[in-house]
C-alpha cells in the first residue's frame, strides 16, 4: 500500500498538478480519509492533494503549500487518469 501511495505522490509532484483526495484514494483502492492519514503531516510535497470544492489542500498554512501549487488551474478529479498514467 505504501508503495502505491509513494508512487502517486511522486507522480503528482512530477506533473505539478493538483489532484483531489478522492481521485488519488480511488486509484489505489482506499478511502479518502485513509489516504489523508497516509499522507501524514502537512508539507509542500503532499499539498498537491486538494478538496474538490475549494481546490485547496485542507488545513495547510501558506508556508506548507508547494510554491508552484497554483501554476495551473487544472485539477485531476478522476482516478482513471492516475490508473492510466501509473498502470495501477
PDB file of N, CA and C in Angstrom:
ATOM      1  N   UNK A   1       0.831  -1.196   0.000  1.00  0.00           N
ATOM      2  CA  UNK A   1       0.000   0.000   0.000  1.00  0.00           C
ATOM      3  C   UNK A   1       0.878   1.263   0.000  1.00  0.00           C
ATOM      4  N   UNK A   2       1.848   1.307   0.903  1.00  0.00           N
ATOM      5  CA  UNK A   2       2.708   2.496   0.983  1.00  0.00           C
ATOM      6  C   UNK A   2       3.446   2.734  -0.333  1.00  0.00           C
ATOM      7  N   UNK A   3       3.805   1.646  -1.023  1.00  0.00           N
ATOM      8  CA  UNK A   3       4.492   1.783  -2.310  1.00  0.00           C
ATOM      9  C   UNK A   3       3.601   2.489  -3.336  1.00  0.00           C
ATOM     10  N   UNK A   4       2.312   2.140  -3.357  1.00  0.00           N
ATOM     11  CA  UNK A   4       1.374   2.793  -4.290  1.00  0.00           C
ATOM     12  C   UNK A   4       1.168   4.262  -3.914  1.00  0.00           C
ATOM     13  N   UNK A   5       1.087   4.543  -2.629  1.00  0.00           N
ATOM     14  CA  UNK A   5       0.912   5.921  -2.184  1.00  0.00           C
ATOM     15  C   UNK A   5       2.122   6.759  -2.582  1.00  0.00           C
ATOM     16  N   UNK A   6       3.306   6.214  -2.375  1.00  0.00           N
ATOM     17  CA  UNK A   6       4.533   6.912  -2.771  1.00  0.00           C
ATOM     18  C   UNK A   6       4.567   7.132  -4.279  1.00  0.00           C
ATOM     19  N   UNK A   7       4.119   6.147  -5.041  1.00  0.00           N
ATOM     20  CA  UNK A   7       4.069   6.266  -6.498  1.00  0.00           C
ATOM     21  C   UNK A   7       3.161   7.430  -6.912  1.00  0.00           C
ATOM     22  N   UNK A   8       1.986   7.531  -6.294  1.00  0.00           N
ATOM     23  CA  UNK A   8       1.040   8.610  -6.606  1.00  0.00           C
ATOM     24  C   UNK A   8       1.636   9.963  -6.202  1.00  0.00           C
ATOM     25  N   UNK A   9       2.214  10.046  -5.012  1.00  0.00           N
ATOM     26  CA  UNK A   9       2.822  11.307  -4.548  1.00  0.00           C
ATOM     27  C   UNK A   9       3.936  11.737  -5.504  1.00  0.00           C
ATOM     28  N   UNK A  10       4.795  10.814  -5.878  1.00  0.00           N
ATOM     29  CA  UNK A  10       5.900  11.138  -6.789  1.00  0.00           C
ATOM     30  C   UNK A  10       5.380  11.597  -8.150  1.00  0.00           C
ATOM     31  N   UNK A  11       4.346  10.931  -8.651  1.00  0.00           N
ATOM     32  CA  UNK A  11       3.778  11.300  -9.942  1.00  0.00           C
ATOM     33  C   UNK A  11       3.191  12.721  -9.890  1.00  0.00           C
ATOM     34  N   UNK A  12       2.401  12.985  -8.865  1.00  0.00           N
ATOM     35  CA  UNK A  12       1.766  14.305  -8.744  1.00  0.00           C
ATOM     36  C   UNK A  12       2.816  15.403  -8.609  1.00  0.00           C
ATOM     37  N   UNK A  13       3.883  15.143  -7.881  1.00  0.00           N
ATOM     38  CA  UNK A  13       4.961  16.118  -7.765  1.00  0.00           C
ATOM     39  C   UNK A  13       5.681  16.303  -9.090  1.00  0.00           C
ATOM     40  N   UNK A  14       5.776  15.241  -9.852  1.00  0.00           N
ATOM     41  CA  UNK A  14       6.431  15.332 -11.159  1.00  0.00           C
ATOM     42  C   UNK A  14       5.643  16.151 -12.163  1.00  0.00           C
ATOM     43  N   UNK A  15       4.324  15.969 -12.178  1.00  0.00           N
ATOM     44  CA  UNK A  15       3.490  16.705 -13.137  1.00  0.00           C
ATOM     45  C   UNK A  15       3.053  18.062 -12.584  1.00  0.00           C
ATOM     46  N   UNK A  16       3.295  18.279 -11.290  1.00  0.00           N
ATOM     47  CA  UNK A  16       2.971  19.552 -10.630  1.00  0.00           C
ATOM     48  C   UNK A  16       1.541  20.002 -10.924  1.00  0.00           C
ATOM     49  N   UNK A  17       0.623  19.084 -10.639  1.00  0.00           N
ATOM     50  CA  UNK A  17      -0.793  19.330 -10.867  1.00  0.00           C
ATOM     51  C   UNK A  17      -1.566  18.878  -9.647  1.00  0.00           C
ATOM     52  N   UNK A  18      -2.491  19.717  -9.203  1.00  0.00           N
ATOM     53  CA  UNK A  18      -3.309  19.339  -8.053  1.00  0.00           C
ATOM     54  C   UNK A  18      -4.183  18.131  -8.391  1.00  0.00           C
ATOM     55  N   UNK A  19      -4.533  17.385  -7.359  1.00  0.00           N
ATOM     56  CA  UNK A  19      -5.322  16.165  -7.507  1.00  0.00           C
ATOM     57  C   UNK A  19      -6.228  16.051  -6.294  1.00  0.00           C
ATOM     58  N   UNK A  20      -7.474  15.656  -6.503  1.00  0.00           N
ATOM     59  CA  UNK A  20      -8.367  15.513  -5.345  1.00  0.00           C
ATOM     60  C   UNK A  20      -7.975  14.295  -4.520  1.00  0.00           C
ATOM     61  N   UNK A  21      -8.245  14.399  -3.228  1.00  0.00           N
ATOM     62  CA  UNK A  21      -8.002  13.274  -2.330  1.00  0.00           C
ATOM     63  C   UNK A  21      -8.770  12.046  -2.832  1.00  0.00           C
ATOM     64  N   UNK A  22     -10.007  12.267  -3.275  1.00  0.00           N
ATOM     65  CA  UNK A  22     -10.856  11.157  -3.705  1.00  0.00           C
ATOM     66  C   UNK A  22     -10.290  10.444  -4.929  1.00  0.00           C
ATOM     67  N   UNK A  23      -9.791  11.184  -5.896  1.00  0.00           N
ATOM     68  CA  UNK A  23      -9.226  10.567  -7.096  1.00  0.00           C
ATOM     69  C   UNK A  23      -8.004   9.725  -6.753  1.00  0.00           C
ATOM     70  N   UNK A  24      -7.129  10.259  -5.921  1.00  0.00           N
ATOM     71  CA  UNK A  24      -5.923   9.527  -5.525  1.00  0.00           C
ATOM     72  C   UNK A  24      -6.296   8.283  -4.726  1.00  0.00           C
ATOM     73  N   UNK A  25      -7.209   8.425  -3.795  1.00  0.00           N
ATOM     74  CA  UNK A  25      -7.620   7.301  -2.952  1.00  0.00           C
ATOM     75  C   UNK A  25      -8.264   6.198  -3.786  1.00  0.00           C
ATOM     76  N   UNK A  26      -9.168   6.571  -4.681  1.00  0.00           N
ATOM     77  CA  UNK A  26      -9.848   5.576  -5.510  1.00  0.00           C
ATOM     78  C   UNK A  26      -8.859   4.838  -6.412  1.00  0.00           C
ATOM     79  N   UNK A  27      -7.846   5.537  -6.901  1.00  0.00           N
ATOM     80  CA  UNK A  27      -6.856   4.915  -7.786  1.00  0.00           C
ATOM     81  C   UNK A  27      -6.103   3.783  -7.092  1.00  0.00           C
ATOM     82  N   UNK A  28      -5.929   3.908  -5.775  1.00  0.00           N
ATOM     83  CA  UNK A  28      -5.192   2.851  -5.066  1.00  0.00           C
ATOM     84  C   UNK A  28      -6.094   1.982  -4.197  1.00  0.00           C
ATOM     85  N   UNK A  29      -7.397   2.261  -4.243  1.00  0.00           N
ATOM     86  CA  UNK A  29      -8.362   1.372  -3.597  1.00  0.00           C
ATOM     87  C   UNK A  29      -8.561   1.565  -2.104  1.00  0.00           C
ATOM     88  N   UNK A  30      -8.447   2.814  -1.645  1.00  0.00           N
ATOM     89  CA  UNK A  30      -8.712   3.105  -0.236  1.00  0.00           C
ATOM     90  C   UNK A  30      -9.657   4.296  -0.140  1.00  0.00           C
ATOM     91  N   UNK A  31     -10.111   4.622   1.062  1.00  0.00           N
ATOM     92  CA  UNK A  31     -10.995   5.767   1.241  1.00  0.00           C
ATOM     93  C   UNK A  31     -10.184   7.066   1.262  1.00  0.00           C
ATOM     94  N   UNK A  32     -10.813   8.181   0.922  1.00  0.00           N
ATOM     95  CA  UNK A  32     -10.106   9.459   1.005  1.00  0.00           C
ATOM     96  C   UNK A  32      -9.572   9.734   2.419  1.00  0.00           C
ATOM     97  N   UNK A  33     -10.320   9.345   3.441  1.00  0.00           N
ATOM     98  CA  UNK A  33      -9.875   9.557   4.816  1.00  0.00           C
ATOM     99  C   UNK A  33      -8.607   8.762   5.110  1.00  0.00           C
ATOM    100  N   UNK A  34      -8.571   7.527   4.653  1.00  0.00           N
ATOM    101  CA  UNK A  34      -7.367   6.701   4.847  1.00  0.00           C
ATOM    102  C   UNK A  34      -6.183   7.293   4.082  1.00  0.00           C
ATOM    103  N   UNK A  35      -6.451   7.790   2.885  1.00  0.00           N
ATOM    104  CA  UNK A  35      -5.380   8.398   2.085  1.00  0.00           C
ATOM    105  C   UNK A  35      -4.794   9.600   2.817  1.00  0.00           C
ATOM    106  N   UNK A  36      -5.655  10.445   3.369  1.00  0.00           N
ATOM    107  CA  UNK A  36      -5.181  11.619   4.111  1.00  0.00           C
ATOM    108  C   UNK A  36      -4.301  11.210   5.282  1.00  0.00           C
ATOM    109  N   UNK A  37      -4.663  10.139   5.964  1.00  0.00           N
ATOM    110  CA  UNK A  37      -3.845   9.653   7.086  1.00  0.00           C
ATOM    111  C   UNK A  37      -2.483   9.184   6.604  1.00  0.00           C
ATOM    112  N   UNK A  38      -2.447   8.486   5.466  1.00  0.00           N
ATOM    113  CA  UNK A  38      -1.174   8.008   4.923  1.00  0.00           C
ATOM    114  C   UNK A  38      -0.262   9.170   4.520  1.00  0.00           C
ATOM    115  N   UNK A  39      -0.858  10.308   4.121  1.00  0.00           N
ATOM    116  CA  UNK A  39      -0.042  11.460   3.722  1.00  0.00           C
ATOM    117  C   UNK A  39       0.741  12.035   4.893  1.00  0.00           C
ATOM    118  N   UNK A  40       0.205  11.886   6.095  1.00  0.00           N
ATOM    119  CA  UNK A  40       0.918  12.386   7.276  1.00  0.00           C
ATOM    120  C   UNK A  40       0.805  13.889   7.426  1.00  0.00           C
ATOM    121  N   UNK A  41       1.840  14.469   8.004  1.00  0.00           N
ATOM    122  CA  UNK A  41       1.805  15.899   8.323  1.00  0.00           C
ATOM    123  C   UNK A  41       1.840  16.771   7.076  1.00  0.00           C
ATOM    124  N   UNK A  42       1.306  17.968   7.224  1.00  0.00           N
ATOM    125  CA  UNK A  42       1.260  18.924   6.117  1.00  0.00           C
ATOM    126  C   UNK A  42       2.683  19.314   5.706  1.00  0.00           C
ATOM    127  N   UNK A  43       2.935  19.207   4.405  1.00  0.00           N
ATOM    128  CA  UNK A  43       4.239  19.588   3.856  1.00  0.00           C
ATOM    129  C   UNK A  43       4.057  19.845   2.359  1.00  0.00           C
ATOM    130  N   UNK A  44       4.940  20.613   1.756  1.00  0.00           N
ATOM    131  CA  UNK A  44       4.750  21.007   0.350  1.00  0.00           C
ATOM    132  C   UNK A  44       4.538  19.861  -0.622  1.00  0.00           C
ATOM    133  N   UNK A  45       5.267  18.754  -0.476  1.00  0.00           N
ATOM    134  CA  UNK A  45       5.167  17.674  -1.468  1.00  0.00           C
ATOM    135  C   UNK A  45       3.838  16.931  -1.440  1.00  0.00           C
ATOM    136  N   UNK A  46       3.038  17.098  -0.398  1.00  0.00           N
ATOM    137  CA  UNK A  46       1.710  16.479  -0.388  1.00  0.00           C
ATOM    138  C   UNK A  46       0.587  17.526  -0.422  1.00  0.00           C
ATOM    139  N   UNK A  47       0.968  18.783  -0.572  1.00  0.00           N
ATOM    140  CA  UNK A  47      -0.055  19.844  -0.645  1.00  0.00           C
ATOM    141  C   UNK A  47      -0.779  19.838  -1.986  1.00  0.00           C
ATOM    142  N   UNK A  48      -0.318  19.039  -2.936  1.00  0.00           N
ATOM    143  CA  UNK A  48      -0.975  18.915  -4.236  1.00  0.00           C
ATOM    144  C   UNK A  48      -2.340  18.235  -4.129  1.00  0.00           C
ATOM    145  N   UNK A  49      -2.585  17.523  -3.025  1.00  0.00           N
ATOM    146  CA  UNK A  49      -3.854  16.823  -2.842  1.00  0.00           C
ATOM    147  C   UNK A  49      -4.848  17.771  -2.193  1.00  0.00           C
ATOM    148  N   UNK A  50      -5.976  17.964  -2.875  1.00  0.00           N
ATOM    149  CA  UNK A  50      -6.882  19.051  -2.520  1.00  0.00           C
ATOM    150  C   UNK A  50      -8.338  18.605  -2.419  1.00  0.00           C
ATOM    151  N   UNK A  51      -9.122  19.473  -1.832  1.00  0.00           N
ATOM    152  CA  UNK A  51     -10.574  19.308  -1.765  1.00  0.00           C
ATOM    153  C   UNK A  51     -11.167  19.597  -3.143  1.00  0.00           C
ATOM    154  N   UNK A  52     -12.164  18.831  -3.570  1.00  0.00           N
ATOM    155  CA  UNK A  52     -12.764  19.094  -4.887  1.00  0.00           C
ATOM    156  C   UNK A  52     -13.571  20.386  -4.936  1.00  0.00           C
ATOM    157  N   UNK A  53     -14.063  20.841  -3.806  1.00  0.00           N
ATOM    158  CA  UNK A  53     -14.892  22.048  -3.807  1.00  0.00           C
ATOM    159  C   UNK A  53     -14.059  23.327  -3.788  1.00  0.00           C
ATOM    160  N   UNK A  54     -12.987  23.338  -3.018  1.00  0.00           N
ATOM    161  CA  UNK A  54     -12.184  24.553  -2.902  1.00  0.00           C
ATOM    162  C   UNK A  54     -10.938  24.542  -3.777  1.00  0.00           C
ATOM    163  N   UNK A  55     -10.468  23.354  -4.163  1.00  0.00           N
ATOM    164  CA  UNK A  55      -9.213  23.269  -4.912  1.00  0.00           C
ATOM    165  C   UNK A  55      -8.005  23.538  -4.036  1.00  0.00           C
ATOM    166  N   UNK A  56      -8.212  23.512  -2.737  1.00  0.00           N
ATOM    167  CA  UNK A  56      -7.155  23.820  -1.771  1.00  0.00           C
ATOM    168  C   UNK A  56      -6.822  22.591  -0.928  1.00  0.00           C
ATOM    169  N   UNK A  57      -5.557  22.469  -0.515  1.00  0.00           N
ATOM    170  CA  UNK A  57      -5.246  21.416   0.445  1.00  0.00           C
ATOM    171  C   UNK A  57      -5.908  21.758   1.779  1.00  0.00           C
ATOM    172  N   UNK A  58      -6.362  20.763   2.485  1.00  0.00           N
ATOM    173  CA  UNK A  58      -7.120  21.018   3.712  1.00  0.00           C
ATOM    174  C   UNK A  58      -6.201  21.275   4.901  1.00  0.00           C
ATOM    175  N   UNK A  59      -6.434  22.413   5.571  1.00  0.00           N
ATOM    176  CA  UNK A  59      -5.719  22.801   6.780  1.00  0.00           C
ATOM    177  C   UNK A  59      -4.213  22.983   6.576  1.00  0.00           C
ATOM    178  N   UNK A  60      -3.839  23.633   5.507  1.00  0.00           N
ATOM    179  CA  UNK A  60      -2.434  23.930   5.226  1.00  0.00           C
ATOM    180  C   UNK A  60      -2.213  25.441   5.359  1.00  0.00           C
ATOM    181  N   UNK A  61      -1.134  25.813   5.993  1.00  0.00           N
ATOM    182  CA  UNK A  61      -0.752  27.221   6.017  1.00  0.00           C
ATOM    183  C   UNK A  61      -0.043  27.527   4.692  1.00  0.00           C
ATOM    184  N   UNK A  62       0.111  28.783   4.370  1.00  0.00           N
ATOM    185  CA  UNK A  62       0.776  29.145   3.118  1.00  0.00           C
ATOM    186  C   UNK A  62       2.195  28.584   3.054  1.00  0.00           C
ATOM    187  N   UNK A  63       2.895  28.545   4.180  1.00  0.00           N
ATOM    188  CA  UNK A  63       4.276  28.042   4.190  1.00  0.00           C
ATOM    189  C   UNK A  63       4.344  26.522   3.978  1.00  0.00           C
ATOM    190  N   UNK A  64       3.238  25.815   4.166  1.00  0.00           N
ATOM    191  CA  UNK A  64       3.212  24.370   3.970  1.00  0.00           C
ATOM    192  C   UNK A  64       2.789  23.978   2.555  1.00  0.00           C
ATOM    193  N   UNK A  65       2.379  24.959   1.759  1.00  0.00           N
ATOM    194  CA  UNK A  65       1.950  24.693   0.385  1.00  0.00           C
ATOM    195  C   UNK A  65       3.144  24.747  -0.561  1.00  0.00           C
ATOM    196  N   UNK A  66       3.094  23.914  -1.586  1.00  0.00           N
ATOM    197  CA  UNK A  66       4.148  23.911  -2.600  1.00  0.00           C
ATOM    198  C   UNK A  66       4.160  25.269  -3.296  1.00  0.00           C
ATOM    199  N   UNK A  67       5.339  25.835  -3.562  1.00  0.00           N
ATOM    200  CA  UNK A  67       5.395  27.168  -4.192  1.00  0.00           C
ATOM    201  C   UNK A  67       4.759  27.221  -5.585  1.00  0.00           C
ATOM    202  N   UNK A  68       4.632  26.092  -6.261  1.00  0.00           N
ATOM    203  CA  UNK A  68       4.047  26.069  -7.601  1.00  0.00           C
ATOM    204  C   UNK A  68       2.620  25.518  -7.613  1.00  0.00           C
ATOM    205  N   UNK A  69       1.978  25.478  -6.452  1.00  0.00           N
ATOM    206  CA  UNK A  69       0.652  24.870  -6.320  1.00  0.00           C
ATOM    207  C   UNK A  69      -0.375  25.448  -7.298  1.00  0.00           C
ATOM    208  N   UNK A  70      -0.271  26.723  -7.601  1.00  0.00           N
ATOM    209  CA  UNK A  70      -1.276  27.374  -8.458  1.00  0.00           C
ATOM    210  C   UNK A  70      -0.754  27.669  -9.860  1.00  0.00           C
ATOM    211  N   UNK A  71       0.260  26.944 -10.282  1.00  0.00           N
ATOM    212  CA  UNK A  71       0.827  27.204 -11.606  1.00  0.00           C
ATOM    213  C   UNK A  71      -0.158  26.886 -12.723  1.00  0.00           C
ATOM    214  N   UNK A  72      -1.139  26.041 -12.442  1.00  0.00           N
ATOM    215  CA  UNK A  72      -2.188  25.713 -13.411  1.00  0.00           C
ATOM    216  C   UNK A  72      -3.515  25.607 -12.665  1.00  0.00           C
ATOM    217  N   UNK A  73      -4.587  25.875 -13.376  1.00  0.00           N
ATOM    218  CA  UNK A  73      -5.910  25.745 -12.758  1.00  0.00           C
ATOM    219  C   UNK A  73      -6.422  24.310 -12.845  1.00  0.00           C
ATOM    220  N   UNK A  74      -5.712  23.474 -13.569  1.00  0.00           N
ATOM    221  CA  UNK A  74      -6.128  22.080 -13.762  1.00  0.00           C
ATOM    222  C   UNK A  74      -6.033  21.303 -12.450  1.00  0.00           C
ATOM    223  N   UNK A  75      -7.042  20.474 -12.198  1.00  0.00           N
ATOM    224  CA  UNK A  75      -7.054  19.592 -11.036  1.00  0.00           C
ATOM    225  C   UNK A  75      -7.490  18.202 -11.509  1.00  0.00           C
ATOM    226  N   UNK A  76      -6.717  17.198 -11.179  1.00  0.00           N
ATOM    227  CA  UNK A  76      -7.083  15.825 -11.530  1.00  0.00           C
ATOM    228  C   UNK A  76      -8.218  15.408 -10.597  1.00  0.00           C
ATOM    229  N   UNK A  77      -9.359  15.094 -11.178  1.00  0.00           N
ATOM    230  CA  UNK A  77     -10.536  14.729 -10.381  1.00  0.00           C
ATOM    231  C   UNK A  77     -10.983  13.288 -10.612  1.00  0.00           C
ATOM    232  N   UNK A  78     -10.333  12.601 -11.536  1.00  0.00           N
ATOM    233  CA  UNK A  78     -10.725  11.236 -11.874  1.00  0.00           C
ATOM    234  C   UNK A  78      -9.585  10.265 -11.591  1.00  0.00           C
ATOM    235  N   UNK A  79      -9.919   9.174 -10.927  1.00  0.00           N
ATOM    236  CA  UNK A  79      -8.913   8.148 -10.662  1.00  0.00           C
ATOM    237  C   UNK A  79      -8.432   7.501 -11.957  1.00  0.00           C
ATOM    238  N   UNK A  80      -9.232   7.596 -13.004  1.00  0.00           N
ATOM    239  CA  UNK A  80      -8.864   6.985 -14.287  1.00  0.00           C
ATOM    240  C   UNK A  80      -7.549   7.558 -14.812  1.00  0.00           C
ATOM    241  N   UNK A  81      -7.334   8.846 -14.604  1.00  0.00           N
ATOM    242  CA  UNK A  81      -6.101   9.493 -15.057  1.00  0.00           C
ATOM    243  C   UNK A  81      -4.895   8.858 -14.370  1.00  0.00           C
ATOM    244  N   UNK A  82      -4.987   8.697 -13.049  1.00  0.00           N
ATOM    245  CA  UNK A  82      -3.882   8.113 -12.296  1.00  0.00           C
ATOM    246  C   UNK A  82      -3.696   6.640 -12.639  1.00  0.00           C
ATOM    247  N   UNK A  83      -4.796   5.913 -12.743  1.00  0.00           N
ATOM    248  CA  UNK A  83      -4.700   4.488 -13.079  1.00  0.00           C
ATOM    249  C   UNK A  83      -4.035   4.291 -14.438  1.00  0.00           C
ATOM    250  N   UNK A  84      -4.415   5.119 -15.393  1.00  0.00           N
ATOM    251  CA  UNK A  84      -3.853   5.011 -16.747  1.00  0.00           C
ATOM    252  C   UNK A  84      -2.375   5.385 -16.752  1.00  0.00           C
ATOM    253  N   UNK A  85      -2.036   6.511 -16.137  1.00  0.00           N
ATOM    254  CA  UNK A  85      -0.671   7.009 -16.202  1.00  0.00           C
ATOM    255  C   UNK A  85       0.306   6.256 -15.307  1.00  0.00           C
ATOM    256  N   UNK A  86      -0.216   5.594 -14.291  1.00  0.00           N
ATOM    257  CA  UNK A  86       0.647   4.878 -13.347  1.00  0.00           C
ATOM    258  C   UNK A  86       0.510   3.364 -13.462  1.00  0.00           C
ATOM    259  N   UNK A  87      -0.328   2.922 -14.365  1.00  0.00           N
ATOM    260  CA  UNK A  87      -0.572   1.490 -14.556  1.00  0.00           C
ATOM    261  C   UNK A  87      -0.981   0.805 -13.260  1.00  0.00           C
ATOM    262  N   UNK A  88      -1.946   1.437 -12.569  1.00  0.00           N
ATOM    263  CA  UNK A  88      -2.450   0.879 -11.295  1.00  0.00           C
ATOM    264  C   UNK A  88      -3.608  -0.073 -11.555  1.00  0.00           C
TER     265      UNK A  88
END
